[in-house]
Amino acid sequence: GELESALLQLPLDKALDLLRRAQLCISNAPAASPELLARSVVALVRLHHGRLSSGGGEHLGLVRGLRSGCKRALQAESDRVGFNLAALRSMKQRLANARPASIPALPAPE
């Protein structure tokens, strides 16, 4: 998609800058959009995998940190969505079990 197309244009040094910033976003505060952040990280790591892995392990810590951070952020997002879904199902069940409110009949038009 458009995200991958944009990320393809980044040279390795800029991709590494973006990966470092992504790690800061993930580790310092809950990400506003963990899915988008994780997709960007995965796309950049896939794109530059050869150069990242041939760097003598200097980027290995960054990639490992991103992996654990993304995993944690995505799990938190999944938990939040699951909690909200359970609440909506509970509300739906309560509404289904509630007595229908009696609506007074309207007088016939004259």
N, C-alpha and C. Protein backbone atom coordinates (compact mmCIF):
# COMPACT_ATOMS: atom_id res chain seq x y z
N GLY A 1 0.80 -1.17 0.00
CA GLY A 1 0.00 0.00 0.00
C GLY A 1 0.86 1.25 0.00
N GLU A 2 0.24 2.32 0.35
CA GLU A 2 0.91 3.62 0.35
C GLU A 2 2.00 3.70 1.41
N LEU A 3 1.76 3.06 2.57
CA LEU A 3 2.75 3.08 3.63
C LEU A 3 4.04 2.41 3.17
N GLU A 4 3.91 1.22 2.60
CA GLU A 4 5.09 0.50 2.13
C GLU A 4 5.80 1.27 1.03
N SER A 5 5.03 1.91 0.15
CA SER A 5 5.63 2.70 -0.93
C SER A 5 6.46 3.85 -0.37
N ALA A 6 5.92 4.51 0.64
CA ALA A 6 6.64 5.62 1.25
C ALA A 6 7.90 5.13 1.97
N LEU A 7 7.78 4.01 2.67
CA LEU A 7 8.93 3.48 3.41
C LEU A 7 10.02 2.95 2.49
N LEU A 8 9.64 2.51 1.30
CA LEU A 8 10.63 2.04 0.32
C LEU A 8 11.60 3.13 -0.09
N GLN A 9 11.16 4.38 0.01
CA GLN A 9 11.98 5.50 -0.42
C GLN A 9 13.06 5.88 0.59
N LEU A 10 12.95 5.36 1.82
CA LEU A 10 13.90 5.74 2.86
C LEU A 10 15.22 5.00 2.73
N PRO A 11 16.32 5.71 2.75
CA PRO A 11 17.62 5.04 2.80
C PRO A 11 17.82 4.44 4.19
N LEU A 12 18.80 3.57 4.34
CA LEU A 12 19.01 2.85 5.59
C LEU A 12 19.21 3.79 6.78
N ASP A 13 19.99 4.84 6.63
CA ASP A 13 20.24 5.73 7.78
C ASP A 13 18.95 6.40 8.26
N LYS A 14 18.09 6.80 7.33
CA LYS A 14 16.81 7.41 7.72
C LYS A 14 15.85 6.35 8.29
N ALA A 15 15.91 5.15 7.74
CA ALA A 15 15.09 4.06 8.27
C ALA A 15 15.50 3.74 9.71
N LEU A 16 16.80 3.75 9.98
CA LEU A 16 17.27 3.51 11.34
C LEU A 16 16.82 4.62 12.28
N ASP A 17 16.85 5.87 11.81
CA ASP A 17 16.35 6.98 12.63
C ASP A 17 14.87 6.77 12.96
N LEU A 18 14.11 6.37 11.96
CA LEU A 18 12.68 6.14 12.17
C LEU A 18 12.44 4.97 13.13
N LEU A 19 13.25 3.92 13.00
CA LEU A 19 13.12 2.78 13.91
C LEU A 19 13.46 3.18 15.35
N ARG A 20 14.47 4.01 15.51
CA ARG A 20 14.83 4.49 16.87
C ARG A 20 13.71 5.34 17.46
N ARG A 21 13.12 6.18 16.63
CA ARG A 21 12.01 7.01 17.11
C ARG A 21 10.79 6.15 17.44
N ALA A 22 10.57 5.13 16.64
CA ALA A 22 9.46 4.21 16.90
C ALA A 22 9.67 3.50 18.24
N GLN A 23 10.91 3.13 18.51
CA GLN A 23 11.20 2.47 19.79
C GLN A 23 10.94 3.42 20.96
N LEU A 24 11.29 4.68 20.80
CA LEU A 24 11.00 5.67 21.84
C LEU A 24 9.50 5.83 22.06
N CYS A 25 8.76 5.88 20.96
CA CYS A 25 7.30 6.03 21.07
C CYS A 25 6.68 4.83 21.78
N ILE A 26 7.15 3.66 21.45
CA ILE A 26 6.59 2.45 22.04
C ILE A 26 6.96 2.32 23.51
N SER A 27 8.21 2.65 23.85
CA SER A 27 8.67 2.41 25.21
C SER A 27 8.29 3.51 26.19
N ASN A 28 8.15 4.74 25.73
CA ASN A 28 7.90 5.86 26.65
C ASN A 28 6.43 6.14 26.91
N ALA A 29 5.58 5.84 25.99
CA ALA A 29 4.17 6.14 26.15
C ALA A 29 3.36 5.17 25.30
N PRO A 30 2.13 4.98 25.67
CA PRO A 30 1.29 4.13 24.81
C PRO A 30 1.19 4.76 23.42
N ALA A 31 1.39 3.96 22.44
CA ALA A 31 1.34 4.47 21.06
C ALA A 31 -0.09 4.84 20.69
N ALA A 32 -0.24 5.94 19.99
CA ALA A 32 -1.56 6.38 19.56
C ALA A 32 -2.16 5.38 18.58
N SER A 33 -1.34 4.82 17.76
CA SER A 33 -1.79 3.82 16.79
C SER A 33 -0.77 2.69 16.74
N PRO A 34 -0.86 1.75 17.68
CA PRO A 34 0.14 0.69 17.73
C PRO A 34 0.16 -0.18 16.47
N GLU A 35 -0.99 -0.34 15.83
CA GLU A 35 -1.03 -1.14 14.60
C GLU A 35 -0.21 -0.48 13.50
N LEU A 36 -0.41 0.81 13.31
CA LEU A 36 0.33 1.54 12.27
C LEU A 36 1.82 1.54 12.57
N LEU A 37 2.16 1.75 13.82
CA LEU A 37 3.56 1.75 14.24
C LEU A 37 4.19 0.38 13.99
N ALA A 38 3.49 -0.68 14.37
CA ALA A 38 4.01 -2.03 14.16
C ALA A 38 4.14 -2.36 12.68
N ARG A 39 3.17 -1.95 11.89
CA ARG A 39 3.25 -2.19 10.44
C ARG A 39 4.45 -1.48 9.83
N SER A 40 4.69 -0.26 10.28
CA SER A 40 5.84 0.49 9.78
C SER A 40 7.15 -0.18 10.16
N VAL A 41 7.24 -0.63 11.42
CA VAL A 41 8.45 -1.30 11.89
C VAL A 41 8.70 -2.57 11.10
N VAL A 42 7.66 -3.37 10.95
CA VAL A 42 7.81 -4.64 10.22
C VAL A 42 8.23 -4.39 8.78
N ALA A 43 7.60 -3.41 8.14
CA ALA A 43 7.96 -3.10 6.75
C ALA A 43 9.42 -2.67 6.64
N LEU A 44 9.87 -1.82 7.55
CA LEU A 44 11.27 -1.36 7.48
C LEU A 44 12.25 -2.48 7.79
N VAL A 45 11.94 -3.32 8.75
CA VAL A 45 12.84 -4.43 9.08
C VAL A 45 12.91 -5.41 7.92
N ARG A 46 11.77 -5.71 7.31
CA ARG A 46 11.78 -6.61 6.14
C ARG A 46 12.58 -6.01 4.99
N LEU A 47 12.36 -4.74 4.75
CA LEU A 47 13.02 -4.06 3.64
C LEU A 47 14.54 -4.04 3.82
N HIS A 48 15.00 -3.77 5.03
CA HIS A 48 16.43 -3.61 5.28
C HIS A 48 17.02 -4.79 6.05
N HIS A 49 16.37 -5.93 6.01
CA HIS A 49 16.80 -7.08 6.79
C HIS A 49 18.25 -7.46 6.52
N GLY A 50 18.62 -7.52 5.28
CA GLY A 50 19.98 -7.91 4.92
C GLY A 50 21.02 -7.00 5.53
N ARG A 51 20.80 -5.72 5.40
CA ARG A 51 21.76 -4.75 5.95
C ARG A 51 21.71 -4.67 7.47
N LEU A 52 20.53 -4.88 8.03
CA LEU A 52 20.42 -4.86 9.50
C LEU A 52 21.12 -6.08 10.11
N SER A 53 20.98 -7.22 9.46
CA SER A 53 21.58 -8.44 10.02
C SER A 53 23.07 -8.54 9.72
N SER A 54 23.54 -7.86 8.68
CA SER A 54 24.97 -7.93 8.37
C SER A 54 25.77 -6.84 9.09
N GLY A 55 25.10 -6.07 9.93
CA GLY A 55 25.77 -4.98 10.64
C GLY A 55 26.59 -5.44 11.82
N GLY A 56 26.85 -6.72 11.94
CA GLY A 56 27.67 -7.22 13.04
C GLY A 56 26.95 -7.20 14.38
N GLY A 57 25.64 -7.18 14.35
CA GLY A 57 24.88 -7.23 15.59
C GLY A 57 24.64 -5.87 16.23
N GLU A 58 25.14 -4.80 15.62
CA GLU A 58 24.95 -3.48 16.23
C GLU A 58 23.49 -3.06 16.23
N HIS A 59 22.70 -3.56 15.29
CA HIS A 59 21.28 -3.18 15.22
C HIS A 59 20.39 -4.24 15.84
N LEU A 60 20.99 -5.32 16.30
CA LEU A 60 20.21 -6.42 16.86
C LEU A 60 19.44 -5.97 18.10
N GLY A 61 20.05 -5.18 18.96
CA GLY A 61 19.37 -4.68 20.16
C GLY A 61 18.17 -3.82 19.82
N LEU A 62 18.33 -2.99 18.79
CA LEU A 62 17.23 -2.14 18.35
C LEU A 62 16.06 -2.99 17.87
N VAL A 63 16.35 -3.98 17.04
CA VAL A 63 15.29 -4.83 16.48
C VAL A 63 14.62 -5.64 17.60
N ARG A 64 15.41 -6.15 18.53
CA ARG A 64 14.83 -6.91 19.65
C ARG A 64 13.95 -6.01 20.52
N GLY A 65 14.41 -4.80 20.78
CA GLY A 65 13.61 -3.86 21.56
C GLY A 65 12.30 -3.51 20.87
N LEU A 66 12.38 -3.33 19.56
CA LEU A 66 11.17 -3.04 18.79
C LEU A 66 10.22 -4.22 18.82
N ARG A 67 10.77 -5.41 18.73
CA ARG A 67 9.93 -6.62 18.74
C ARG A 67 9.16 -6.72 20.06
N SER A 68 9.86 -6.58 21.16
CA SER A 68 9.18 -6.70 22.46
C SER A 68 8.24 -5.53 22.70
N GLY A 69 8.64 -4.33 22.31
CA GLY A 69 7.79 -3.16 22.49
C GLY A 69 6.52 -3.23 21.66
N CYS A 70 6.65 -3.63 20.40
CA CYS A 70 5.48 -3.76 19.54
C CYS A 70 4.55 -4.85 20.06
N LYS A 71 5.15 -5.94 20.48
CA LYS A 71 4.35 -7.04 21.01
C LYS A 71 3.55 -6.58 22.22
N ARG A 72 4.18 -5.87 23.11
CA ARG A 72 3.53 -5.37 24.33
C ARG A 72 2.43 -4.35 23.97
N ALA A 73 2.72 -3.43 23.07
CA ALA A 73 1.74 -2.41 22.69
C ALA A 73 0.54 -3.02 21.97
N LEU A 74 0.80 -3.99 21.10
CA LEU A 74 -0.30 -4.64 20.39
C LEU A 74 -1.15 -5.49 21.34
N GLN A 75 -0.52 -6.13 22.31
CA GLN A 75 -1.27 -6.91 23.29
C GLN A 75 -2.15 -6.00 24.13
N ALA A 76 -1.62 -4.85 24.53
CA ALA A 76 -2.42 -3.89 25.30
C ALA A 76 -3.61 -3.40 24.48
N GLU A 77 -3.39 -3.15 23.22
CA GLU A 77 -4.48 -2.70 22.34
C GLU A 77 -5.52 -3.80 22.19
N SER A 78 -5.06 -5.04 22.02
CA SER A 78 -5.97 -6.17 21.91
C SER A 78 -6.79 -6.35 23.18
N ASP A 79 -6.15 -6.19 24.33
CA ASP A 79 -6.86 -6.28 25.61
C ASP A 79 -7.92 -5.20 25.73
N ARG A 80 -7.56 -3.98 25.31
CA ARG A 80 -8.49 -2.86 25.38
C ARG A 80 -9.71 -3.10 24.48
N VAL A 81 -9.46 -3.57 23.28
CA VAL A 81 -10.55 -3.84 22.35
C VAL A 81 -11.41 -4.99 22.87
N GLY A 82 -10.78 -6.02 23.41
CA GLY A 82 -11.52 -7.14 23.96
C GLY A 82 -12.39 -6.72 25.13
N PHE A 83 -11.87 -5.88 25.99
CA PHE A 83 -12.64 -5.37 27.13
C PHE A 83 -13.85 -4.58 26.65
N ASN A 84 -13.64 -3.71 25.67
CA ASN A 84 -14.75 -2.91 25.13
C ASN A 84 -15.78 -3.79 24.45
N LEU A 85 -15.34 -4.82 23.74
CA LEU A 85 -16.26 -5.73 23.08
C LEU A 85 -17.09 -6.49 24.11
N ALA A 86 -16.46 -6.93 25.20
CA ALA A 86 -17.19 -7.63 26.26
C ALA A 86 -18.23 -6.70 26.89
N ALA A 87 -17.88 -5.44 27.08
CA ALA A 87 -18.82 -4.48 27.65
C ALA A 87 -20.00 -4.27 26.70
N LEU A 88 -19.74 -4.17 25.41
CA LEU A 88 -20.83 -3.99 24.45
C LEU A 88 -21.75 -5.21 24.42
N ARG A 89 -21.16 -6.40 24.49
CA ARG A 89 -21.99 -7.62 24.52
C ARG A 89 -22.84 -7.66 25.78
N SER A 90 -22.27 -7.25 26.90
CA SER A 90 -23.03 -7.22 28.14
C SER A 90 -24.19 -6.23 28.05
N MET A 91 -23.93 -5.08 27.49
CA MET A 91 -25.00 -4.09 27.32
C MET A 91 -26.09 -4.61 26.39
N LYS A 92 -25.69 -5.28 25.34
CA LYS A 92 -26.65 -5.85 24.39
C LYS A 92 -27.52 -6.89 25.09
N GLN A 93 -26.90 -7.73 25.90
CA GLN A 93 -27.63 -8.75 26.63
C GLN A 93 -28.61 -8.11 27.62
N ARG A 94 -28.17 -7.08 28.32
CA ARG A 94 -29.05 -6.39 29.27
C ARG A 94 -30.25 -5.77 28.55
N LEU A 95 -30.00 -5.18 27.40
CA LEU A 95 -31.10 -4.58 26.64
C LEU A 95 -32.07 -5.65 26.14
N ALA A 96 -31.55 -6.79 25.74
CA ALA A 96 -32.41 -7.86 25.25
C ALA A 96 -33.26 -8.44 26.38
N ASN A 97 -32.72 -8.47 27.58
CA ASN A 97 -33.45 -9.03 28.72
C ASN A 97 -34.37 -8.01 29.42
N ALA A 98 -34.19 -6.75 29.13
CA ALA A 98 -35.00 -5.72 29.77
C ALA A 98 -36.42 -5.76 29.24
N ARG A 99 -37.36 -5.40 30.11
CA ARG A 99 -38.75 -5.32 29.68
C ARG A 99 -38.91 -4.18 28.70
N PRO A 100 -39.69 -4.38 27.68
CA PRO A 100 -39.93 -3.25 26.77
C PRO A 100 -40.72 -2.18 27.51
N ALA A 101 -40.35 -0.98 27.32
CA ALA A 101 -41.05 0.13 27.96
C ALA A 101 -42.44 0.26 27.34
N SER A 102 -43.40 0.47 28.19
CA SER A 102 -44.76 0.63 27.65
C SER A 102 -44.90 2.06 27.12
N ILE A 103 -45.38 2.12 25.94
CA ILE A 103 -45.56 3.41 25.27
C ILE A 103 -47.05 3.72 25.30
N PRO A 104 -47.43 4.82 25.89
CA PRO A 104 -48.86 5.12 25.94
C PRO A 104 -49.41 5.32 24.53
N ALA A 105 -50.63 4.85 24.37
CA ALA A 105 -51.29 5.00 23.07
C ALA A 105 -51.60 6.47 22.81
N LEU A 106 -51.40 6.85 21.61
CA LEU A 106 -51.70 8.23 21.23
C LEU A 106 -53.20 8.35 20.93
N PRO A 107 -53.79 9.46 21.27
CA PRO A 107 -55.20 9.61 20.94
C PRO A 107 -55.40 9.64 19.44
N ALA A 108 -56.53 9.11 19.02
CA ALA A 108 -56.83 9.08 17.59
C ALA A 108 -57.02 10.50 17.07
N PRO A 109 -56.55 10.75 15.87
CA PRO A 109 -56.72 12.09 15.31
C PRO A 109 -58.19 12.39 15.09
N GLU A 110 -58.56 13.61 15.28
CA GLU A 110 -59.97 14.01 15.13
C GLU A 110 -60.29 14.39 13.74
